[in-house]
């Protein structure tokens, strides 16, 4: 329900998001606001 255009063309890898590792462009701490 919250996908962005990047989600349809690039597959995210696991990356830190708080106490967990998450494979999501919107959840990962590596995802910038831009």
ModelCIF file with pLDDT and N, C-alpha, C, O atoms, coordinates in Angstrom:
data_MODEL
#
_entry.id   MODEL 
#
_entity.id                         1 
_entity.type                       polymer 
_entity.pdbx_number_of_molecules   1 
#
_entity_poly.entity_id                      1 
_entity_poly.type                           'polypeptide(L)' 
_entity_poly.nstd_linkage                   no 
_entity_poly.nstd_monomer                   no 
_entity_poly.pdbx_seq_one_letter_code       
;(UNK)(UNK)(UNK)(UNK)(UNK)(UNK)(UNK)(UNK)(UNK)(UNK)(UNK)(UNK)(UNK)(UNK)(UNK)(UNK)
(UNK)(UNK)(UNK)(UNK)(UNK)(UNK)(UNK)(UNK)(UNK)(UNK)(UNK)(UNK)(UNK)(UNK)(UNK)(UNK)
(UNK)(UNK)
;
_entity_poly.pdbx_seq_one_letter_code_can   XXXXXXXXXXXXXXXXXXXXXXXXXXXXXXXXXX 
_entity_poly.pdbx_strand_id                 A 
#
loop_
_entity_poly_seq.entity_id 
_entity_poly_seq.num 
_entity_poly_seq.mon_id 
_entity_poly_seq.hetero 
1 1  UNK n 
1 2  UNK n 
1 3  UNK n 
1 4  UNK n 
1 5  UNK n 
1 6  UNK n 
1 7  UNK n 
1 8  UNK n 
1 9  UNK n 
1 10 UNK n 
1 11 UNK n 
1 12 UNK n 
1 13 UNK n 
1 14 UNK n 
1 15 UNK n 
1 16 UNK n 
1 17 UNK n 
1 18 UNK n 
1 19 UNK n 
1 20 UNK n 
1 21 UNK n 
1 22 UNK n 
1 23 UNK n 
1 24 UNK n 
1 25 UNK n 
1 26 UNK n 
1 27 UNK n 
1 28 UNK n 
1 29 UNK n 
1 30 UNK n 
1 31 UNK n 
1 32 UNK n 
1 33 UNK n 
1 34 UNK n 
#
_struct_asym.id          A 
_struct_asym.entity_id   1 
#
loop_
_ma_qa_metric.id 
_ma_qa_metric.mode 
_ma_qa_metric.name 
_ma_qa_metric.software_group_id 
_ma_qa_metric.type 
1 global pLDDT . pLDDT 
2 local  pLDDT . pLDDT 
#
_ma_qa_metric_global.metric_id      1 
_ma_qa_metric_global.metric_value   83.85 
_ma_qa_metric_global.model_id       1 
_ma_qa_metric_global.ordinal_id     1 
#
loop_
_ma_qa_metric_local.label_asym_id 
_ma_qa_metric_local.label_comp_id 
_ma_qa_metric_local.label_seq_id 
_ma_qa_metric_local.metric_id 
_ma_qa_metric_local.metric_value 
_ma_qa_metric_local.model_id 
_ma_qa_metric_local.ordinal_id 
A UNK 1  2 92.00 1 1  
A UNK 2  2 93.00 1 2  
A UNK 3  2 93.00 1 3  
A UNK 4  2 94.00 1 4  
A UNK 5  2 94.00 1 5  
A UNK 6  2 95.00 1 6  
A UNK 7  2 95.00 1 7  
A UNK 8  2 95.00 1 8  
A UNK 9  2 94.00 1 9  
A UNK 10 2 95.00 1 10 
A UNK 11 2 94.00 1 11 
A UNK 12 2 95.00 1 12 
A UNK 13 2 94.00 1 13 
A UNK 14 2 95.00 1 14 
A UNK 15 2 94.00 1 15 
A UNK 16 2 93.00 1 16 
A UNK 17 2 91.00 1 17 
A UNK 18 2 88.00 1 18 
A UNK 19 2 91.00 1 19 
A UNK 20 2 94.00 1 20 
A UNK 21 2 96.00 1 21 
A UNK 22 2 96.00 1 22 
A UNK 23 2 96.00 1 23 
A UNK 24 2 96.00 1 24 
A UNK 25 2 94.00 1 25 
A UNK 26 2 90.00 1 26 
A UNK 27 2 79.00 1 27 
A UNK 28 2 58.00 1 28 
A UNK 29 2 48.00 1 29 
A UNK 30 2 46.00 1 30 
A UNK 31 2 49.00 1 31 
A UNK 32 2 46.00 1 32 
A UNK 33 2 45.00 1 33 
A UNK 34 2 43.00 1 34 
#
loop_
_atom_site.group_PDB 
_atom_site.id 
_atom_site.type_symbol 
_atom_site.label_atom_id 
_atom_site.label_alt_id 
_atom_site.label_comp_id 
_atom_site.label_asym_id 
_atom_site.label_entity_id 
_atom_site.label_seq_id 
_atom_site.pdbx_PDB_ins_code 
_atom_site.Cartn_x 
_atom_site.Cartn_y 
_atom_site.Cartn_z 
_atom_site.occupancy 
_atom_site.B_iso_or_equiv 
_atom_site.pdbx_formal_charge 
_atom_site.auth_seq_id 
_atom_site.auth_comp_id 
_atom_site.auth_asym_id 
_atom_site.auth_atom_id 
_atom_site.pdbx_PDB_model_num 
ATOM 1   N N  . UNK A 1 1  ? 0.799  -1.234 0.000   1.00 92.00 ? 1  UNK A N  1 
ATOM 2   C CA . UNK A 1 1  ? 0.000  0.000  0.000   1.00 92.00 ? 1  UNK A CA 1 
ATOM 3   C C  . UNK A 1 1  ? 0.826  1.275  0.000   1.00 92.00 ? 1  UNK A C  1 
ATOM 4   O O  . UNK A 1 1  ? 0.280  2.363  -0.184  1.00 92.00 ? 1  UNK A O  1 
ATOM 5   N N  . UNK A 1 2  ? 2.151  1.159  0.206   1.00 93.00 ? 2  UNK A N  1 
ATOM 6   C CA . UNK A 1 2  ? 2.975  2.368  0.315   1.00 93.00 ? 2  UNK A CA 1 
ATOM 7   C C  . UNK A 1 2  ? 4.114  2.381  -0.698  1.00 93.00 ? 2  UNK A C  1 
ATOM 8   O O  . UNK A 1 2  ? 5.074  3.131  -0.528  1.00 93.00 ? 2  UNK A O  1 
ATOM 9   N N  . UNK A 1 3  ? 4.028  1.575  -1.736  1.00 93.00 ? 3  UNK A N  1 
ATOM 10  C CA . UNK A 1 3  ? 5.144  1.467  -2.686  1.00 93.00 ? 3  UNK A CA 1 
ATOM 11  C C  . UNK A 1 3  ? 5.384  2.784  -3.413  1.00 93.00 ? 3  UNK A C  1 
ATOM 12  O O  . UNK A 1 3  ? 4.479  3.600  -3.585  1.00 93.00 ? 3  UNK A O  1 
ATOM 13  N N  . UNK A 1 4  ? 6.634  2.962  -3.832  1.00 94.00 ? 4  UNK A N  1 
ATOM 14  C CA . UNK A 1 4  ? 7.004  4.089  -4.679  1.00 94.00 ? 4  UNK A CA 1 
ATOM 15  C C  . UNK A 1 4  ? 7.540  3.517  -5.991  1.00 94.00 ? 4  UNK A C  1 
ATOM 16  O O  . UNK A 1 4  ? 7.675  2.302  -6.132  1.00 94.00 ? 4  UNK A O  1 
ATOM 17  N N  . UNK A 1 5  ? 7.840  4.380  -6.935  1.00 94.00 ? 5  UNK A N  1 
ATOM 18  C CA . UNK A 1 5  ? 8.221  3.918  -8.270  1.00 94.00 ? 5  UNK A CA 1 
ATOM 19  C C  . UNK A 1 5  ? 9.465  3.039  -8.233  1.00 94.00 ? 5  UNK A C  1 
ATOM 20  O O  . UNK A 1 5  ? 9.576  2.083  -9.000  1.00 94.00 ? 5  UNK A O  1 
ATOM 21  N N  . UNK A 1 6  ? 10.399 3.361  -7.345  1.00 95.00 ? 6  UNK A N  1 
ATOM 22  C CA . UNK A 1 6  ? 11.642 2.585  -7.265  1.00 95.00 ? 6  UNK A CA 1 
ATOM 23  C C  . UNK A 1 6  ? 11.372 1.127  -6.908  1.00 95.00 ? 6  UNK A C  1 
ATOM 24  O O  . UNK A 1 6  ? 12.099 0.234  -7.343  1.00 95.00 ? 6  UNK A O  1 
ATOM 25  N N  . UNK A 1 7  ? 10.330 0.886  -6.120  1.00 95.00 ? 7  UNK A N  1 
ATOM 26  C CA . UNK A 1 7  ? 10.009 -0.479 -5.685  1.00 95.00 ? 7  UNK A CA 1 
ATOM 27  C C  . UNK A 1 7  ? 9.657  -1.383 -6.865  1.00 95.00 ? 7  UNK A C  1 
ATOM 28  O O  . UNK A 1 7  ? 9.831  -2.599 -6.787  1.00 95.00 ? 7  UNK A O  1 
ATOM 29  N N  . UNK A 1 8  ? 9.166  -0.801 -7.953  1.00 95.00 ? 8  UNK A N  1 
ATOM 30  C CA . UNK A 1 8  ? 8.728  -1.593 -9.099  1.00 95.00 ? 8  UNK A CA 1 
ATOM 31  C C  . UNK A 1 8  ? 9.880  -1.991 -10.018 1.00 95.00 ? 8  UNK A C  1 
ATOM 32  O O  . UNK A 1 8  ? 9.698  -2.825 -10.905 1.00 95.00 ? 8  UNK A O  1 
ATOM 33  N N  . UNK A 1 9  ? 11.066 -1.405 -9.820  1.00 94.00 ? 9  UNK A N  1 
ATOM 34  C CA . UNK A 1 9  ? 12.173 -1.699 -10.734 1.00 94.00 ? 9  UNK A CA 1 
ATOM 35  C C  . UNK A 1 9  ? 13.464 -2.140 -10.047 1.00 94.00 ? 9  UNK A C  1 
ATOM 36  O O  . UNK A 1 9  ? 14.323 -2.730 -10.703 1.00 94.00 ? 9  UNK A O  1 
ATOM 37  N N  . UNK A 1 10 ? 13.630 -1.876 -8.751  1.00 95.00 ? 10 UNK A N  1 
ATOM 38  C CA . UNK A 1 10 ? 14.849 -2.274 -8.049  1.00 95.00 ? 10 UNK A CA 1 
ATOM 39  C C  . UNK A 1 10 ? 14.501 -3.120 -6.827  1.00 95.00 ? 10 UNK A C  1 
ATOM 40  O O  . UNK A 1 10 ? 13.616 -2.768 -6.048  1.00 95.00 ? 10 UNK A O  1 
ATOM 41  N N  . UNK A 1 11 ? 15.195 -4.219 -6.672  1.00 94.00 ? 11 UNK A N  1 
ATOM 42  C CA . UNK A 1 11 ? 14.942 -5.102 -5.536  1.00 94.00 ? 11 UNK A CA 1 
ATOM 43  C C  . UNK A 1 11 ? 15.831 -4.695 -4.365  1.00 94.00 ? 11 UNK A C  1 
ATOM 44  O O  . UNK A 1 11 ? 17.053 -4.671 -4.510  1.00 94.00 ? 11 UNK A O  1 
ATOM 45  N N  . UNK A 1 12 ? 15.258 -4.377 -3.219  1.00 95.00 ? 12 UNK A N  1 
ATOM 46  C CA . UNK A 1 12 ? 16.072 -3.958 -2.064  1.00 95.00 ? 12 UNK A CA 1 
ATOM 47  C C  . UNK A 1 12 ? 16.722 -5.154 -1.370  1.00 95.00 ? 12 UNK A C  1 
ATOM 48  O O  . UNK A 1 12 ? 16.143 -6.239 -1.323  1.00 95.00 ? 12 UNK A O  1 
ATOM 49  N N  . UNK A 1 13 ? 17.908 -4.955 -0.839  1.00 94.00 ? 13 UNK A N  1 
ATOM 50  C CA . UNK A 1 13 ? 18.570 -5.952 -0.004  1.00 94.00 ? 13 UNK A CA 1 
ATOM 51  C C  . UNK A 1 13 ? 18.314 -5.620 1.462   1.00 94.00 ? 13 UNK A C  1 
ATOM 52  O O  . UNK A 1 13 ? 17.873 -4.517 1.786   1.00 94.00 ? 13 UNK A O  1 
ATOM 53  N N  . UNK A 1 14 ? 18.589 -6.567 2.336   1.00 95.00 ? 14 UNK A N  1 
ATOM 54  C CA . UNK A 1 14 ? 18.445 -6.316 3.765   1.00 95.00 ? 14 UNK A CA 1 
ATOM 55  C C  . UNK A 1 14 ? 19.400 -5.204 4.197   1.00 95.00 ? 14 UNK A C  1 
ATOM 56  O O  . UNK A 1 14 ? 20.567 -5.179 3.806   1.00 95.00 ? 14 UNK A O  1 
ATOM 57  N N  . UNK A 1 15 ? 18.883 -4.295 5.003   1.00 94.00 ? 15 UNK A N  1 
ATOM 58  C CA . UNK A 1 15 ? 19.697 -3.202 5.526   1.00 94.00 ? 15 UNK A CA 1 
ATOM 59  C C  . UNK A 1 15 ? 19.162 -2.831 6.913   1.00 94.00 ? 15 UNK A C  1 
ATOM 60  O O  . UNK A 1 15 ? 17.987 -3.068 7.195   1.00 94.00 ? 15 UNK A O  1 
ATOM 61  N N  . UNK A 1 16 ? 19.996 -2.255 7.783   1.00 93.00 ? 16 UNK A N  1 
ATOM 62  C CA . UNK A 1 16 ? 19.544 -1.940 9.143   1.00 93.00 ? 16 UNK A CA 1 
ATOM 63  C C  . UNK A 1 16 ? 18.365 -0.976 9.147   1.00 93.00 ? 16 UNK A C  1 
ATOM 64  O O  . UNK A 1 16 ? 18.323 -0.014 8.380   1.00 93.00 ? 16 UNK A O  1 
ATOM 65  N N  . UNK A 1 17 ? 17.408 -1.257 10.028  1.00 91.00 ? 17 UNK A N  1 
ATOM 66  C CA . UNK A 1 17 ? 16.260 -0.369 10.255  1.00 91.00 ? 17 UNK A CA 1 
ATOM 67  C C  . UNK A 1 17 ? 15.871 -0.529 11.712  1.00 91.00 ? 17 UNK A C  1 
ATOM 68  O O  . UNK A 1 17 ? 15.066 -1.396 12.050  1.00 91.00 ? 17 UNK A O  1 
ATOM 69  N N  . UNK A 1 18 ? 16.436 0.300  12.575  1.00 88.00 ? 18 UNK A N  1 
ATOM 70  C CA . UNK A 1 18 ? 16.222 0.141  14.003  1.00 88.00 ? 18 UNK A CA 1 
ATOM 71  C C  . UNK A 1 18 ? 16.932 -1.110 14.497  1.00 88.00 ? 18 UNK A C  1 
ATOM 72  O O  . UNK A 1 18 ? 18.113 -1.312 14.217  1.00 88.00 ? 18 UNK A O  1 
ATOM 73  N N  . UNK A 1 19 ? 16.204 -1.956 15.240  1.00 91.00 ? 19 UNK A N  1 
ATOM 74  C CA . UNK A 1 19 ? 16.800 -3.180 15.787  1.00 91.00 ? 19 UNK A CA 1 
ATOM 75  C C  . UNK A 1 19 ? 16.797 -4.316 14.786  1.00 91.00 ? 19 UNK A C  1 
ATOM 76  O O  . UNK A 1 19 ? 17.398 -5.360 15.040  1.00 91.00 ? 19 UNK A O  1 
ATOM 77  N N  . UNK A 1 20 ? 16.130 -4.135 13.646  1.00 94.00 ? 20 UNK A N  1 
ATOM 78  C CA . UNK A 1 20 ? 15.987 -5.206 12.658  1.00 94.00 ? 20 UNK A CA 1 
ATOM 79  C C  . UNK A 1 20 ? 16.775 -4.902 11.393  1.00 94.00 ? 20 UNK A C  1 
ATOM 80  O O  . UNK A 1 20 ? 17.285 -3.797 11.208  1.00 94.00 ? 20 UNK A O  1 
ATOM 81  N N  . UNK A 1 21 ? 16.864 -5.910 10.523  1.00 96.00 ? 21 UNK A N  1 
ATOM 82  C CA . UNK A 1 21 ? 17.330 -5.723 9.148   1.00 96.00 ? 21 UNK A CA 1 
ATOM 83  C C  . UNK A 1 21 ? 16.120 -5.904 8.253   1.00 96.00 ? 21 UNK A C  1 
ATOM 84  O O  . UNK A 1 21 ? 15.364 -6.863 8.406   1.00 96.00 ? 21 UNK A O  1 
ATOM 85  N N  . UNK A 1 22 ? 15.936 -4.975 7.309   1.00 96.00 ? 22 UNK A N  1 
ATOM 86  C CA . UNK A 1 22 ? 14.708 -4.941 6.510   1.00 96.00 ? 22 UNK A CA 1 
ATOM 87  C C  . UNK A 1 22 ? 15.058 -4.740 5.046   1.00 96.00 ? 22 UNK A C  1 
ATOM 88  O O  . UNK A 1 22 ? 15.950 -3.959 4.714   1.00 96.00 ? 22 UNK A O  1 
ATOM 89  N N  . UNK A 1 23 ? 14.345 -5.455 4.161   1.00 96.00 ? 23 UNK A N  1 
ATOM 90  C CA . UNK A 1 23 ? 14.526 -5.294 2.718   1.00 96.00 ? 23 UNK A CA 1 
ATOM 91  C C  . UNK A 1 23 ? 13.384 -4.436 2.185   1.00 96.00 ? 23 UNK A C  1 
ATOM 92  O O  . UNK A 1 23 ? 12.417 -4.950 1.623   1.00 96.00 ? 23 UNK A O  1 
ATOM 93  N N  . UNK A 1 24 ? 13.504 -3.139 2.365   1.00 96.00 ? 24 UNK A N  1 
ATOM 94  C CA . UNK A 1 24 ? 12.463 -2.208 1.915   1.00 96.00 ? 24 UNK A CA 1 
ATOM 95  C C  . UNK A 1 24 ? 13.084 -0.843 1.699   1.00 96.00 ? 24 UNK A C  1 
ATOM 96  O O  . UNK A 1 24 ? 13.812 -0.338 2.553   1.00 96.00 ? 24 UNK A O  1 
ATOM 97  N N  . UNK A 1 25 ? 12.789 -0.245 0.542   1.00 94.00 ? 25 UNK A N  1 
ATOM 98  C CA . UNK A 1 25 ? 13.349 1.069  0.246   1.00 94.00 ? 25 UNK A CA 1 
ATOM 99  C C  . UNK A 1 25 ? 12.831 2.139  1.205   1.00 94.00 ? 25 UNK A C  1 
ATOM 100 O O  . UNK A 1 25 ? 13.510 3.142  1.425   1.00 94.00 ? 25 UNK A O  1 
ATOM 101 N N  . UNK A 1 26 ? 11.649 1.946  1.776   1.00 90.00 ? 26 UNK A N  1 
ATOM 102 C CA . UNK A 1 26 ? 11.059 2.970  2.628   1.00 90.00 ? 26 UNK A CA 1 
ATOM 103 C C  . UNK A 1 26 ? 11.388 2.776  4.105   1.00 90.00 ? 26 UNK A C  1 
ATOM 104 O O  . UNK A 1 26 ? 11.213 3.703  4.896   1.00 90.00 ? 26 UNK A O  1 
ATOM 105 N N  . UNK A 1 27 ? 11.859 1.598  4.491   1.00 79.00 ? 27 UNK A N  1 
ATOM 106 C CA . UNK A 1 27 ? 12.107 1.308  5.903   1.00 79.00 ? 27 UNK A CA 1 
ATOM 107 C C  . UNK A 1 27 ? 13.568 1.386  6.282   1.00 79.00 ? 27 UNK A C  1 
ATOM 108 O O  . UNK A 1 27 ? 13.902 1.721  7.419   1.00 79.00 ? 27 UNK A O  1 
ATOM 109 N N  . UNK A 1 28 ? 14.436 1.081  5.344   1.00 58.00 ? 28 UNK A N  1 
ATOM 110 C CA . UNK A 1 28 ? 15.859 1.007  5.634   1.00 58.00 ? 28 UNK A CA 1 
ATOM 111 C C  . UNK A 1 28 ? 16.417 2.377  5.999   1.00 58.00 ? 28 UNK A C  1 
ATOM 112 O O  . UNK A 1 28 ? 15.994 3.396  5.452   1.00 58.00 ? 28 UNK A O  1 
ATOM 113 N N  . UNK A 1 29 ? 17.379 2.392  6.934   1.00 48.00 ? 29 UNK A N  1 
ATOM 114 C CA . UNK A 1 29 ? 18.034 3.641  7.304   1.00 48.00 ? 29 UNK A CA 1 
ATOM 115 C C  . UNK A 1 29 ? 18.924 4.153  6.184   1.00 48.00 ? 29 UNK A C  1 
ATOM 116 O O  . UNK A 1 29 ? 19.400 5.287  6.238   1.00 48.00 ? 29 UNK A O  1 
ATOM 117 N N  . UNK A 1 30 ? 19.153 3.326  5.166   1.00 46.00 ? 30 UNK A N  1 
ATOM 118 C CA . UNK A 1 30 ? 19.957 3.782  4.035   1.00 46.00 ? 30 UNK A CA 1 
ATOM 119 C C  . UNK A 1 30 ? 19.105 4.550  3.022   1.00 46.00 ? 30 UNK A C  1 
ATOM 120 O O  . UNK A 1 30 ? 19.639 5.195  2.120   1.00 46.00 ? 30 UNK A O  1 
ATOM 121 N N  . UNK A 1 31 ? 17.788 4.478  3.171   1.00 49.00 ? 31 UNK A N  1 
ATOM 122 C CA . UNK A 1 31 ? 16.901 5.204  2.256   1.00 49.00 ? 31 UNK A CA 1 
ATOM 123 C C  . UNK A 1 31 ? 16.822 6.664  2.700   1.00 49.00 ? 31 UNK A C  1 
ATOM 124 O O  . UNK A 1 31 ? 16.478 6.941  3.849   1.00 49.00 ? 31 UNK A O  1 
ATOM 125 N N  . UNK A 1 32 ? 17.133 7.587  1.814   1.00 46.00 ? 32 UNK A N  1 
ATOM 126 C CA . UNK A 1 32 ? 17.090 9.001  2.139   1.00 46.00 ? 32 UNK A CA 1 
ATOM 127 C C  . UNK A 1 32 ? 15.707 9.567  1.875   1.00 46.00 ? 32 UNK A C  1 
ATOM 128 O O  . UNK A 1 32 ? 14.910 8.974  1.149   1.00 46.00 ? 32 UNK A O  1 
ATOM 129 N N  . UNK A 1 33 ? 15.429 10.715 2.467   1.00 45.00 ? 33 UNK A N  1 
ATOM 130 C CA . UNK A 1 33 ? 14.142 11.362 2.235   1.00 45.00 ? 33 UNK A CA 1 
ATOM 131 C C  . UNK A 1 33 ? 13.943 11.667 0.758   1.00 45.00 ? 33 UNK A C  1 
ATOM 132 O O  . UNK A 1 33 ? 12.825 11.602 0.248   1.00 45.00 ? 33 UNK A O  1 
ATOM 133 N N  . UNK A 1 34 ? 15.036 12.000 0.071   1.00 43.00 ? 34 UNK A N  1 
ATOM 134 C CA . UNK A 1 34 ? 14.909 12.308 -1.352  1.00 43.00 ? 34 UNK A CA 1 
ATOM 135 C C  . UNK A 1 34 ? 14.517 11.059 -2.148  1.00 43.00 ? 34 UNK A C  1 
ATOM 136 O O  . UNK A 1 34 ? 14.364 11.127 -3.368  1.00 43.00 ? 34 UNK A O  1 
#
